[in-house]
Amino acid sequence: MPIVTIQQGPRAVELKRELVKQITDAFVNAYAIPAETVQVWIHEIPTDSWGSAGKLTADK
């Protein structure tokens, strides 16, 4: 059973729904497995809890 973990900033539920669908479809097509065996976990990180290039993402 494939498990895909995504770490990202907050997104609208519609976008996450489409992402989960497309990732699931990719595994179904590539591995010829049932969609029910694919799990996608989305971990949303607030923009004040990560940074890059020395700055919090919330400050950009």
PDB file of N, CA and C in Angstrom:
ATOM      1  N   MET A   1       0.842  -1.169   0.000  1.00  0.00           N
ATOM      2  CA  MET A   1       0.000   0.000   0.000  1.00  0.00           C
ATOM      3  C   MET A   1       0.890   1.237   0.000  1.00  0.00           C
ATOM      4  N   PRO A   2       0.874   2.036  -1.062  1.00  0.00           N
ATOM      5  CA  PRO A   2       1.663   3.262  -1.088  1.00  0.00           C
ATOM      6  C   PRO A   2       1.084   4.307  -0.132  1.00  0.00           C
ATOM      7  N   ILE A   3       1.980   4.990   0.551  1.00  0.00           N
ATOM      8  CA  ILE A   3       1.602   6.127   1.389  1.00  0.00           C
ATOM      9  C   ILE A   3       2.442   7.304   0.933  1.00  0.00           C
ATOM     10  N   VAL A   4       1.786   8.378   0.536  1.00  0.00           N
ATOM     11  CA  VAL A   4       2.450   9.592   0.078  1.00  0.00           C
ATOM     12  C   VAL A   4       2.251  10.649   1.155  1.00  0.00           C
ATOM     13  N   THR A   5       3.339  11.271   1.593  1.00  0.00           N
ATOM     14  CA  THR A   5       3.250  12.332   2.588  1.00  0.00           C
ATOM     15  C   THR A   5       3.662  13.647   1.948  1.00  0.00           C
ATOM     16  N   ILE A   6       2.828  14.654   2.121  1.00  0.00           N
ATOM     17  CA  ILE A   6       3.078  15.981   1.554  1.00  0.00           C
ATOM     18  C   ILE A   6       3.165  16.966   2.711  1.00  0.00           C
ATOM     19  N   GLN A   7       4.208  17.763   2.720  1.00  0.00           N
ATOM     20  CA  GLN A   7       4.318  18.847   3.693  1.00  0.00           C
ATOM     21  C   GLN A   7       4.232  20.139   2.903  1.00  0.00           C
ATOM     22  N   GLN A   8       3.321  20.994   3.317  1.00  0.00           N
ATOM     23  CA  GLN A   8       3.095  22.232   2.573  1.00  0.00           C
ATOM     24  C   GLN A   8       2.454  23.266   3.476  1.00  0.00           C
ATOM     25  N   GLY A   9       2.395  24.483   2.964  1.00  0.00           N
ATOM     26  CA  GLY A   9       1.650  25.533   3.640  1.00  0.00           C
ATOM     27  C   GLY A   9       0.165  25.323   3.413  1.00  0.00           C
ATOM     28  N   PRO A  10      -0.655  26.056   4.123  1.00  0.00           N
ATOM     29  CA  PRO A  10      -2.110  25.912   3.988  1.00  0.00           C
ATOM     30  C   PRO A  10      -2.577  26.166   2.558  1.00  0.00           C
ATOM     31  N   ARG A  11      -3.507  25.335   2.119  1.00  0.00           N
ATOM     32  CA  ARG A  11      -4.133  25.470   0.795  1.00  0.00           C
ATOM     33  C   ARG A  11      -5.633  25.266   0.938  1.00  0.00           C
ATOM     34  N   ALA A  12      -6.379  25.717  -0.033  1.00  0.00           N
ATOM     35  CA  ALA A  12      -7.830  25.536  -0.043  1.00  0.00           C
ATOM     36  C   ALA A  12      -8.166  24.056  -0.204  1.00  0.00           C
ATOM     37  N   VAL A  13      -9.263  23.643   0.384  1.00  0.00           N
ATOM     38  CA  VAL A  13      -9.667  22.236   0.335  1.00  0.00           C
ATOM     39  C   VAL A  13      -9.876  21.759  -1.104  1.00  0.00           C
ATOM     40  N   GLU A  14     -10.340  22.613  -1.986  1.00  0.00           N
ATOM     41  CA  GLU A  14     -10.540  22.229  -3.385  1.00  0.00           C
ATOM     42  C   GLU A  14      -9.209  21.835  -4.034  1.00  0.00           C
ATOM     43  N   LEU A  15      -8.159  22.586  -3.725  1.00  0.00           N
ATOM     44  CA  LEU A  15      -6.839  22.280  -4.284  1.00  0.00           C
ATOM     45  C   LEU A  15      -6.304  20.969  -3.718  1.00  0.00           C
ATOM     46  N   LYS A  16      -6.488  20.752  -2.423  1.00  0.00           N
ATOM     47  CA  LYS A  16      -6.023  19.504  -1.812  1.00  0.00           C
ATOM     48  C   LYS A  16      -6.794  18.315  -2.358  1.00  0.00           C
ATOM     49  N   ARG A  17      -8.083  18.485  -2.579  1.00  0.00           N
ATOM     50  CA  ARG A  17      -8.900  17.412  -3.154  1.00  0.00           C
ATOM     51  C   ARG A  17      -8.359  17.007  -4.520  1.00  0.00           C
ATOM     52  N   GLU A  18      -8.044  17.978  -5.352  1.00  0.00           N
ATOM     53  CA  GLU A  18      -7.516  17.704  -6.696  1.00  0.00           C
ATOM     54  C   GLU A  18      -6.126  17.080  -6.619  1.00  0.00           C
ATOM     55  N   LEU A  19      -5.299  17.543  -5.708  1.00  0.00           N
ATOM     56  CA  LEU A  19      -3.969  16.974  -5.547  1.00  0.00           C
ATOM     57  C   LEU A  19      -4.048  15.503  -5.166  1.00  0.00           C
ATOM     58  N   VAL A  20      -4.884  15.178  -4.192  1.00  0.00           N
ATOM     59  CA  VAL A  20      -5.047  13.790  -3.756  1.00  0.00           C
ATOM     60  C   VAL A  20      -5.535  12.922  -4.911  1.00  0.00           C
ATOM     61  N   LYS A  21      -6.471  13.439  -5.699  1.00  0.00           N
ATOM     62  CA  LYS A  21      -6.982  12.688  -6.846  1.00  0.00           C
ATOM     63  C   LYS A  21      -5.878  12.404  -7.858  1.00  0.00           C
ATOM     64  N   GLN A  22      -5.100  13.433  -8.190  1.00  0.00           N
ATOM     65  CA  GLN A  22      -4.063  13.251  -9.207  1.00  0.00           C
ATOM     66  C   GLN A  22      -2.937  12.339  -8.737  1.00  0.00           C
ATOM     67  N   ILE A  23      -2.564  12.446  -7.466  1.00  0.00           N
ATOM     68  CA  ILE A  23      -1.531  11.555  -6.937  1.00  0.00           C
ATOM     69  C   ILE A  23      -2.031  10.112  -6.940  1.00  0.00           C
ATOM     70  N   THR A  24      -3.267   9.913  -6.504  1.00  0.00           N
ATOM     71  CA  THR A  24      -3.848   8.569  -6.501  1.00  0.00           C
ATOM     72  C   THR A  24      -3.887   8.005  -7.914  1.00  0.00           C
ATOM     73  N   ASP A  25      -4.365   8.803  -8.863  1.00  0.00           N
ATOM     74  CA  ASP A  25      -4.429   8.356 -10.256  1.00  0.00           C
ATOM     75  C   ASP A  25      -3.050   7.973 -10.788  1.00  0.00           C
ATOM     76  N   ALA A  26      -2.018   8.726 -10.407  1.00  0.00           N
ATOM     77  CA  ALA A  26      -0.663   8.421 -10.875  1.00  0.00           C
ATOM     78  C   ALA A  26      -0.206   7.049 -10.378  1.00  0.00           C
ATOM     79  N   PHE A  27      -0.491   6.733  -9.121  1.00  0.00           N
ATOM     80  CA  PHE A  27      -0.113   5.417  -8.593  1.00  0.00           C
ATOM     81  C   PHE A  27      -0.934   4.305  -9.239  1.00  0.00           C
ATOM     82  N   VAL A  28      -2.213   4.552  -9.431  1.00  0.00           N
ATOM     83  CA  VAL A  28      -3.069   3.550 -10.081  1.00  0.00           C
ATOM     84  C   VAL A  28      -2.539   3.243 -11.477  1.00  0.00           C
ATOM     85  N   ASN A  29      -2.180   4.273 -12.220  1.00  0.00           N
ATOM     86  CA  ASN A  29      -1.679   4.080 -13.586  1.00  0.00           C
ATOM     87  C   ASN A  29      -0.285   3.468 -13.617  1.00  0.00           C
ATOM     88  N   ALA A  30       0.599   3.901 -12.743  1.00  0.00           N
ATOM     89  CA  ALA A  30       1.988   3.437 -12.775  1.00  0.00           C
ATOM     90  C   ALA A  30       2.141   2.020 -12.227  1.00  0.00           C
ATOM     91  N   TYR A  31       1.379   1.692 -11.173  1.00  0.00           N
ATOM     92  CA  TYR A  31       1.555   0.407 -10.495  1.00  0.00           C
ATOM     93  C   TYR A  31       0.438  -0.588 -10.760  1.00  0.00           C
ATOM     94  N   ALA A  32      -0.593  -0.146 -11.480  1.00  0.00           N
ATOM     95  CA  ALA A  32      -1.750  -1.007 -11.763  1.00  0.00           C
ATOM     96  C   ALA A  32      -2.326  -1.591 -10.467  1.00  0.00           C
ATOM     97  N   ILE A  33      -2.594  -0.688  -9.519  1.00  0.00           N
ATOM     98  CA  ILE A  33      -3.154  -1.078  -8.222  1.00  0.00           C
ATOM     99  C   ILE A  33      -4.500  -0.385  -8.029  1.00  0.00           C
ATOM    100  N   PRO A  34      -5.335  -0.912  -7.151  1.00  0.00           N
ATOM    101  CA  PRO A  34      -6.611  -0.250  -6.885  1.00  0.00           C
ATOM    102  C   PRO A  34      -6.412   1.079  -6.153  1.00  0.00           C
ATOM    103  N   ALA A  35      -7.243   2.044  -6.474  1.00  0.00           N
ATOM    104  CA  ALA A  35      -7.166   3.358  -5.830  1.00  0.00           C
ATOM    105  C   ALA A  35      -7.307   3.254  -4.315  1.00  0.00           C
ATOM    106  N   GLU A  36      -8.051   2.260  -3.861  1.00  0.00           N
ATOM    107  CA  GLU A  36      -8.291   2.097  -2.426  1.00  0.00           C
ATOM    108  C   GLU A  36      -7.019   1.783  -1.645  1.00  0.00           C
ATOM    109  N   THR A  37      -5.965   1.364  -2.334  1.00  0.00           N
ATOM    110  CA  THR A  37      -4.724   1.033  -1.633  1.00  0.00           C
ATOM    111  C   THR A  37      -3.788   2.221  -1.477  1.00  0.00           C
ATOM    112  N   VAL A  38      -4.111   3.341  -2.104  1.00  0.00           N
ATOM    113  CA  VAL A  38      -3.243   4.523  -2.069  1.00  0.00           C
ATOM    114  C   VAL A  38      -3.709   5.466  -0.958  1.00  0.00           C
ATOM    115  N   GLN A  39      -2.770   5.856  -0.099  1.00  0.00           N
ATOM    116  CA  GLN A  39      -3.069   6.827   0.944  1.00  0.00           C
ATOM    117  C   GLN A  39      -2.223   8.073   0.720  1.00  0.00           C
ATOM    118  N   VAL A  40      -2.832   9.227   0.895  1.00  0.00           N
ATOM    119  CA  VAL A  40      -2.129  10.502   0.768  1.00  0.00           C
ATOM    120  C   VAL A  40      -2.356  11.270   2.061  1.00  0.00           C
ATOM    121  N   TRP A  41      -1.255  11.616   2.718  1.00  0.00           N
ATOM    122  CA  TRP A  41      -1.333  12.383   3.959  1.00  0.00           C
ATOM    123  C   TRP A  41      -0.798  13.776   3.694  1.00  0.00           C
ATOM    124  N   ILE A  42      -1.589  14.779   4.045  1.00  0.00           N
ATOM    125  CA  ILE A  42      -1.173  16.170   3.868  1.00  0.00           C
ATOM    126  C   ILE A  42      -0.939  16.779   5.242  1.00  0.00           C
ATOM    127  N   HIS A  43       0.284  17.239   5.460  1.00  0.00           N
ATOM    128  CA  HIS A  43       0.630  17.933   6.696  1.00  0.00           C
ATOM    129  C   HIS A  43       0.783  19.416   6.352  1.00  0.00           C
ATOM    130  N   GLU A  44      -0.121  20.216   6.842  1.00  0.00           N
ATOM    131  CA  GLU A  44      -0.042  21.652   6.571  1.00  0.00           C
ATOM    132  C   GLU A  44       0.714  22.345   7.703  1.00  0.00           C
ATOM    133  N   ILE A  45       1.703  23.109   7.305  1.00  0.00           N
ATOM    134  CA  ILE A  45       2.552  23.823   8.239  1.00  0.00           C
ATOM    135  C   ILE A  45       2.215  25.306   8.147  1.00  0.00           C
ATOM    136  N   PRO A  46       1.871  25.942   9.255  1.00  0.00           N
ATOM    137  CA  PRO A  46       1.586  27.374   9.207  1.00  0.00           C
ATOM    138  C   PRO A  46       2.805  28.152   8.702  1.00  0.00           C
ATOM    139  N   THR A  47       2.556  29.232   8.006  1.00  0.00           N
ATOM    140  CA  THR A  47       3.655  30.008   7.415  1.00  0.00           C
ATOM    141  C   THR A  47       4.570  30.627   8.467  1.00  0.00           C
ATOM    142  N   ASP A  48       4.116  30.714   9.704  1.00  0.00           N
ATOM    143  CA  ASP A  48       5.003  31.231  10.755  1.00  0.00           C
ATOM    144  C   ASP A  48       5.792  30.117  11.437  1.00  0.00           C
ATOM    145  N   SER A  49       5.714  28.907  10.883  1.00  0.00           N
ATOM    146  CA  SER A  49       6.424  27.763  11.471  1.00  0.00           C
ATOM    147  C   SER A  49       7.470  27.165  10.547  1.00  0.00           C
ATOM    148  N   TRP A  50       7.799  27.827   9.462  1.00  0.00           N
ATOM    149  CA  TRP A  50       8.920  27.385   8.632  1.00  0.00           C
ATOM    150  C   TRP A  50       9.512  28.589   7.928  1.00  0.00           C
ATOM    151  N   GLY A  51      10.730  28.430   7.486  1.00  0.00           N
ATOM    152  CA  GLY A  51      11.412  29.524   6.815  1.00  0.00           C
ATOM    153  C   GLY A  51      12.356  29.019   5.760  1.00  0.00           C
ATOM    154  N   SER A  52      12.812  29.931   4.944  1.00  0.00           N
ATOM    155  CA  SER A  52      13.840  29.642   3.952  1.00  0.00           C
ATOM    156  C   SER A  52      14.619  30.922   3.700  1.00  0.00           C
ATOM    157  N   ALA A  53      15.848  30.759   3.302  1.00  0.00           N
ATOM    158  CA  ALA A  53      16.743  31.890   3.025  1.00  0.00           C
ATOM    159  C   ALA A  53      16.834  32.842   4.220  1.00  0.00           C
ATOM    160  N   GLY A  54      16.753  32.267   5.425  1.00  0.00           N
ATOM    161  CA  GLY A  54      16.921  33.074   6.627  1.00  0.00           C
ATOM    162  C   GLY A  54      15.716  33.861   7.082  1.00  0.00           C
ATOM    163  N   LYS A  55      14.550  33.612   6.465  1.00  0.00           N
ATOM    164  CA  LYS A  55      13.338  34.371   6.830  1.00  0.00           C
ATOM    165  C   LYS A  55      12.169  33.422   6.989  1.00  0.00           C
ATOM    166  N   LEU A  56      11.288  33.790   7.928  1.00  0.00           N
ATOM    167  CA  LEU A  56      10.034  33.046   8.032  1.00  0.00           C
ATOM    168  C   LEU A  56       9.218  33.251   6.766  1.00  0.00           C
ATOM    169  N   THR A  57       8.555  32.206   6.349  1.00  0.00           N
ATOM    170  CA  THR A  57       7.713  32.311   5.154  1.00  0.00           C
ATOM    171  C   THR A  57       6.621  33.360   5.360  1.00  0.00           C
ATOM    172  N   ALA A  58       6.141  33.504   6.583  1.00  0.00           N
ATOM    173  CA  ALA A  58       5.099  34.494   6.888  1.00  0.00           C
ATOM    174  C   ALA A  58       5.586  35.931   6.652  1.00  0.00           C
ATOM    175  N   ASP A  59       6.888  36.144   6.705  1.00  0.00           N
ATOM    176  CA  ASP A  59       7.436  37.490   6.537  1.00  0.00           C
ATOM    177  C   ASP A  59       7.757  37.840   5.095  1.00  0.00           C
ATOM    178  N   LYS A  60       7.555  36.918   4.200  1.00  0.00           N
ATOM    179  CA  LYS A  60       7.893  37.197   2.786  1.00  0.00           C
ATOM    180  C   LYS A  60       6.736  37.820   2.067  1.00  0.00           C
TER     181      LYS A  60
END
